[in-house]
PDB file of N, CA and C in Angstrom:
ATOM      1  N   MET A   1       0.628  -1.122  -0.143  1.00  0.00           N
ATOM      2  CA  MET A   1       0.188  -0.075  -0.054  1.00  0.00           C
ATOM      3  C   MET A   1       1.112   1.382  -0.286  1.00  0.00           C
ATOM      4  N   ASN A   2       0.497   1.830  -1.002  1.00  0.00           N
ATOM      5  CA  ASN A   2       1.350   3.695  -1.102  1.00  0.00           C
ATOM      6  C   ASN A   2       0.893   4.573  -0.005  1.00  0.00           C
ATOM      7  N   LEU A   3       1.220   4.755   1.102  1.00  0.00           N
ATOM      8  CA  LEU A   3       0.466   5.546   2.062  1.00  0.00           C
ATOM      9  C   LEU A   3       0.839   7.025   1.469  1.00  0.00           C
ATOM     10  N   SER A   4       1.779   7.485   1.098  1.00  0.00           N
ATOM     11  CA  SER A   4       2.134   8.625   1.150  1.00  0.00           C
ATOM     12  C   SER A   4       1.425   9.122  -0.461  1.00  0.00           C
ATOM     13  N   ARG A   5       0.183   8.494  -1.480  1.00  0.00           N
ATOM     14  CA  ARG A   5      -0.515   9.278  -2.042  1.00  0.00           C
ATOM     15  C   ARG A   5      -2.031   8.937  -1.376  1.00  0.00           C
ATOM     16  N   LEU A   6      -2.096   9.044  -0.290  1.00  0.00           N
ATOM     17  CA  LEU A   6      -3.953   8.827   0.626  1.00  0.00           C
ATOM     18  C   LEU A   6      -3.734  10.553   0.925  1.00  0.00           C
ATOM     19  N   SER A   7      -4.756  11.031   1.059  1.00  0.00           N
ATOM     20  CA  SER A   7      -5.375  11.973   1.499  1.00  0.00           C
ATOM     21  C   SER A   7      -5.530  12.039   3.203  1.00  0.00           C
ATOM     22  N   ALA A   8      -5.810  13.249   3.582  1.00  0.00           N
ATOM     23  CA  ALA A   8      -5.859  12.933   5.120  1.00  0.00           C
ATOM     24  C   ALA A   8      -6.999  12.375   5.588  1.00  0.00           C
ATOM     25  N   ARG A   9      -8.108  12.172   4.839  1.00  0.00           N
ATOM     26  CA  ARG A   9      -9.380  11.590   5.320  1.00  0.00           C
ATOM     27  C   ARG A   9      -8.784  10.236   4.685  1.00  0.00           C
ATOM     28  N   ASP A  10      -8.157   9.698   3.565  1.00  0.00           N
ATOM     29  CA  ASP A  10      -7.855   8.273   3.877  1.00  0.00           C
ATOM     30  C   ASP A  10      -7.556   7.636   5.107  1.00  0.00           C
ATOM     31  N   LEU A  11      -6.276   8.394   5.167  1.00  0.00           N
ATOM     32  CA  LEU A  11      -5.224   8.043   6.243  1.00  0.00           C
ATOM     33  C   LEU A  11      -6.245   8.353   7.397  1.00  0.00           C
ATOM     34  N   GLU A  12      -7.145   8.833   7.542  1.00  0.00           N
ATOM     35  CA  GLU A  12      -7.706   8.356   9.031  1.00  0.00           C
ATOM     36  C   GLU A  12      -9.038   6.961   9.112  1.00  0.00           C
ATOM     37  N   ALA A  13      -9.426   7.113   7.757  1.00  0.00           N
ATOM     38  CA  ALA A  13      -9.698   5.754   8.031  1.00  0.00           C
ATOM     39  C   ALA A  13      -9.257   5.025   7.409  1.00  0.00           C
ATOM     40  N   GLN A  14      -8.297   4.755   7.302  1.00  0.00           N
ATOM     41  CA  GLN A  14      -7.174   3.331   6.968  1.00  0.00           C
ATOM     42  C   GLN A  14      -6.802   3.566   8.322  1.00  0.00           C
ATOM     43  N   ALA A  15      -6.073   4.408   9.516  1.00  0.00           N
ATOM     44  CA  ALA A  15      -6.195   4.285  10.709  1.00  0.00           C
ATOM     45  C   ALA A  15      -6.964   3.564  11.393  1.00  0.00           C
ATOM     46  N   ARG A  16      -7.780   3.862  11.428  1.00  0.00           N
ATOM     47  CA  ARG A  16      -9.499   3.341  12.147  1.00  0.00           C
ATOM     48  C   ARG A  16      -9.552   1.799  12.093  1.00  0.00           C
ATOM     49  N   ASP A  17      -9.046   1.539  10.042  1.00  0.00           N
ATOM     50  CA  ASP A  17      -9.269  -0.381  10.119  1.00  0.00           C
ATOM     51  C   ASP A  17      -8.253  -0.942  10.475  1.00  0.00           C
ATOM     52  N   VAL A  18      -7.463  -0.212  10.596  1.00  0.00           N
ATOM     53  CA  VAL A  18      -6.150  -0.739  11.119  1.00  0.00           C
ATOM     54  C   VAL A  18      -6.216  -1.555  12.440  1.00  0.00           C
ATOM     55  N   GLU A  19      -6.921  -0.109  13.245  1.00  0.00           N
ATOM     56  CA  GLU A  19      -6.624  -0.044  14.540  1.00  0.00           C
ATOM     57  C   GLU A  19      -7.618  -1.036  14.725  1.00  0.00           C
ATOM     58  N   HIS A  20      -8.896  -1.286  14.288  1.00  0.00           N
ATOM     59  CA  HIS A  20     -10.130  -2.055  14.872  1.00  0.00           C
ATOM     60  C   HIS A  20      -9.637  -3.761  14.137  1.00  0.00           C
ATOM     61  N   GLN A  21      -8.823  -3.890  13.318  1.00  0.00           N
ATOM     62  CA  GLN A  21      -8.069  -5.215  13.456  1.00  0.00           C
ATOM     63  C   GLN A  21      -7.185  -5.384  14.200  1.00  0.00           C
ATOM     64  N   ILE A  22      -6.431  -4.816  14.378  1.00  0.00           N
ATOM     65  CA  ILE A  22      -5.382  -4.733  16.264  1.00  0.00           C
ATOM     66  C   ILE A  22      -6.055  -5.434  16.966  1.00  0.00           C
ATOM     67  N   LYS A  23      -6.826  -4.569  17.518  1.00  0.00           N
ATOM     68  CA  LYS A  23      -8.427  -4.901  18.550  1.00  0.00           C
ATOM     69  C   LYS A  23      -8.708  -5.906  18.452  1.00  0.00           C
ATOM     70  N   LYS A  24      -9.393  -6.966  17.393  1.00  0.00           N
ATOM     71  CA  LYS A  24      -9.747  -7.970  16.912  1.00  0.00           C
ATOM     72  C   LYS A  24      -9.001  -9.101  16.889  1.00  0.00           C
ATOM     73  N   LEU A  25      -7.673  -8.860  16.838  1.00  0.00           N
ATOM     74  CA  LEU A  25      -6.401  -9.693  16.604  1.00  0.00           C
ATOM     75  C   LEU A  25      -5.549  -9.568  18.662  1.00  0.00           C
ATOM     76  N   ASP A  26      -6.072  -8.782  19.158  1.00  0.00           N
ATOM     77  CA  ASP A  26      -5.865  -8.782  20.460  1.00  0.00           C
ATOM     78  C   ASP A  26      -6.777  -9.220  21.380  1.00  0.00           C
ATOM     79  N   HIS A  27      -8.216  -9.627  20.912  1.00  0.00           N
ATOM     80  CA  HIS A  27      -8.275 -10.216  21.471  1.00  0.00           C
ATOM     81  C   HIS A  27      -8.988 -11.544  21.528  1.00  0.00           C
ATOM     82  N   ARG A  28      -8.103 -12.150  20.913  1.00  0.00           N
ATOM     83  CA  ARG A  28      -8.261 -13.725  20.325  1.00  0.00           C
ATOM     84  C   ARG A  28      -7.023 -14.344  21.576  1.00  0.00           C
ATOM     85  N   PRO A  29      -7.967 -15.545  22.457  1.00  0.00           N
ATOM     86  CA  PRO A  29      -7.111 -15.913  23.416  1.00  0.00           C
ATOM     87  C   PRO A  29      -5.946 -16.432  23.012  1.00  0.00           C
ATOM     88  N   ARG A  30      -5.588 -17.382  21.758  1.00  0.00           N
ATOM     89  CA  ARG A  30      -4.597 -17.952  21.292  1.00  0.00           C
ATOM     90  C   ARG A  30      -4.352 -18.007  20.080  1.00  0.00           C
ATOM     91  N   PRO A  31      -3.614 -16.741  19.626  1.00  0.00           N
ATOM     92  CA  PRO A  31      -3.557 -16.245  18.562  1.00  0.00           C
ATOM     93  C   PRO A  31      -2.667 -17.212  17.801  1.00  0.00           C
ATOM     94  N   THR A  32      -2.810 -17.859  16.777  1.00  0.00           N
ATOM     95  CA  THR A  32      -1.763 -18.518  16.265  1.00  0.00           C
ATOM     96  C   THR A  32      -0.632 -17.725  15.627  1.00  0.00           C
ATOM     97  N   PRO A  33       0.571 -18.565  15.589  1.00  0.00           N
ATOM     98  CA  PRO A  33       1.572 -17.820  14.615  1.00  0.00           C
ATOM     99  C   PRO A  33       1.516 -17.043  13.482  1.00  0.00           C
ATOM    100  N   PRO A  34       0.933 -17.097  12.583  1.00  0.00           N
ATOM    101  CA  PRO A  34       0.239 -15.618  11.282  1.00  0.00           C
ATOM    102  C   PRO A  34      -0.372 -15.022  11.741  1.00  0.00           C
ATOM    103  N   GLU A  35      -1.146 -15.032  12.877  1.00  0.00           N
ATOM    104  CA  GLU A  35      -2.094 -14.355  13.154  1.00  0.00           C
ATOM    105  C   GLU A  35      -1.212 -13.133  14.210  1.00  0.00           C
ATOM    106  N   ARG A  36      -0.362 -13.377  15.049  1.00  0.00           N
ATOM    107  CA  ARG A  36       0.813 -13.011  15.841  1.00  0.00           C
ATOM    108  C   ARG A  36       1.429 -12.052  14.824  1.00  0.00           C
ATOM    109  N   GLN A  37       1.884 -12.478  13.549  1.00  0.00           N
ATOM    110  CA  GLN A  37       2.768 -11.995  12.448  1.00  0.00           C
ATOM    111  C   GLN A  37       1.868 -10.826  11.955  1.00  0.00           C
ATOM    112  N   LEU A  38       0.447 -10.999  12.051  1.00  0.00           N
ATOM    113  CA  LEU A  38      -0.305 -10.512  11.352  1.00  0.00           C
ATOM    114  C   LEU A  38      -0.830  -9.044  12.197  1.00  0.00           C
ATOM    115  N   SER A  39      -0.533  -9.539  13.490  1.00  0.00           N
ATOM    116  CA  SER A  39      -0.695  -8.262  14.360  1.00  0.00           C
ATOM    117  C   SER A  39       0.447  -7.373  14.585  1.00  0.00           C
ATOM    118  N   VAL A  40       2.022  -7.584  14.475  1.00  0.00           N
ATOM    119  CA  VAL A  40       2.857  -7.116  14.262  1.00  0.00           C
ATOM    120  C   VAL A  40       3.205  -5.957  12.825  1.00  0.00           C
ATOM    121  N   GLU A  41       2.837  -6.747  12.248  1.00  0.00           N
ATOM    122  CA  GLU A  41       3.036  -5.829  10.530  1.00  0.00           C
ATOM    123  C   GLU A  41       1.811  -4.877  10.713  1.00  0.00           C
ATOM    124  N   LEU A  42      -0.031  -5.089  11.261  1.00  0.00           N
ATOM    125  CA  LEU A  42      -0.683  -4.490  11.227  1.00  0.00           C
ATOM    126  C   LEU A  42      -0.001  -3.111  12.212  1.00  0.00           C
ATOM    127  N   LYS A  43       0.700  -3.273  13.429  1.00  0.00           N
ATOM    128  CA  LYS A  43       1.105  -2.342  14.655  1.00  0.00           C
ATOM    129  C   LYS A  43       1.939  -1.334  14.010  1.00  0.00           C
ATOM    130  N   LYS A  44       2.717  -1.783  13.031  1.00  0.00           N
ATOM    131  CA  LYS A  44       3.821  -1.127  12.779  1.00  0.00           C
ATOM    132  C   LYS A  44       3.019   0.131  11.537  1.00  0.00           C
ATOM    133  N   MET A  45       2.468  -1.412  10.821  1.00  0.00           N
ATOM    134  CA  MET A  45       1.260   0.141   9.798  1.00  0.00           C
ATOM    135  C   MET A  45       1.105   0.994  10.639  1.00  0.00           C
ATOM    136  N   ARG A  46       0.684   0.928  11.834  1.00  0.00           N
ATOM    137  CA  ARG A  46      -0.553   1.989  12.558  1.00  0.00           C
ATOM    138  C   ARG A  46       1.111   2.947  12.924  1.00  0.00           C
ATOM    139  N   LEU A  47       1.959   3.099  13.075  1.00  0.00           N
ATOM    140  CA  LEU A  47       2.992   3.903  13.266  1.00  0.00           C
ATOM    141  C   LEU A  47       2.983   4.787  11.974  1.00  0.00           C
ATOM    142  N   THR A  48       3.234   3.971  11.138  1.00  0.00           N
ATOM    143  CA  THR A  48       3.331   4.186   9.840  1.00  0.00           C
ATOM    144  C   THR A  48       2.562   5.413   9.231  1.00  0.00           C
ATOM    145  N   LEU A  49       1.100   4.677   9.551  1.00  0.00           N
ATOM    146  CA  LEU A  49       0.053   5.856   9.114  1.00  0.00           C
ATOM    147  C   LEU A  49       0.169   6.814  10.002  1.00  0.00           C
ATOM    148  N   LYS A  50       0.210   6.866  11.712  1.00  0.00           N
ATOM    149  CA  LYS A  50       0.030   7.891  12.834  1.00  0.00           C
ATOM    150  C   LYS A  50       1.711   8.719  11.897  1.00  0.00           C
ATOM    151  N   ASP A  51       2.573   8.618  11.678  1.00  0.00           N
ATOM    152  CA  ASP A  51       3.596   9.307  11.223  1.00  0.00           C
ATOM    153  C   ASP A  51       3.077  10.310   9.649  1.00  0.00           C
ATOM    154  N   GLN A  52       2.559   9.731   8.803  1.00  0.00           N
ATOM    155  CA  GLN A  52       2.137  10.083   7.574  1.00  0.00           C
ATOM    156  C   GLN A  52       0.933  11.219   7.940  1.00  0.00           C
ATOM    157  N   MET A  53       0.030  11.015   9.124  1.00  0.00           N
ATOM    158  CA  MET A  53      -1.090  11.984   9.784  1.00  0.00           C
ATOM    159  C   MET A  53      -0.195  13.291  10.154  1.00  0.00           C
ATOM    160  N   GLU A  54       0.694  12.844  10.797  1.00  0.00           N
ATOM    161  CA  GLU A  54       1.552  13.911  11.559  1.00  0.00           C
ATOM    162  C   GLU A  54       2.248  14.689  10.428  1.00  0.00           C
ATOM    163  N   SER A  55       2.661  14.039   9.622  1.00  0.00           N
ATOM    164  CA  SER A  55       3.659  15.032   8.725  1.00  0.00           C
ATOM    165  C   SER A  55       2.576  15.846   7.755  1.00  0.00           C
ATOM    166  N   SER A  56       0.835  15.123   7.381  1.00  0.00           N
ATOM    167  CA  SER A  56       0.525  15.420   6.468  1.00  0.00           C
ATOM    168  C   SER A  56      -0.390  17.024   7.051  1.00  0.00           C
ATOM    169  N   LYS A  57      -0.277  17.402   8.614  1.00  0.00           N
ATOM    170  CA  LYS A  57      -1.044  18.270   9.290  1.00  0.00           C
ATOM    171  C   LYS A  57      -0.018  19.670   8.842  1.00  0.00           C
TER     172      LYS A  57
END
């Protein structure tokens, strides 16, 4: 996904979606290794999105 091309509104929507996915995965009692890896990747994406939103202000 190319985050640099998204507008501020799109970045916010993407950040909400990522946050929702992270919460969904974190509430699983016994996540599988692929789910844990996905959670890590989503958390990295969340940080990237936050940085992009801060730089677009």
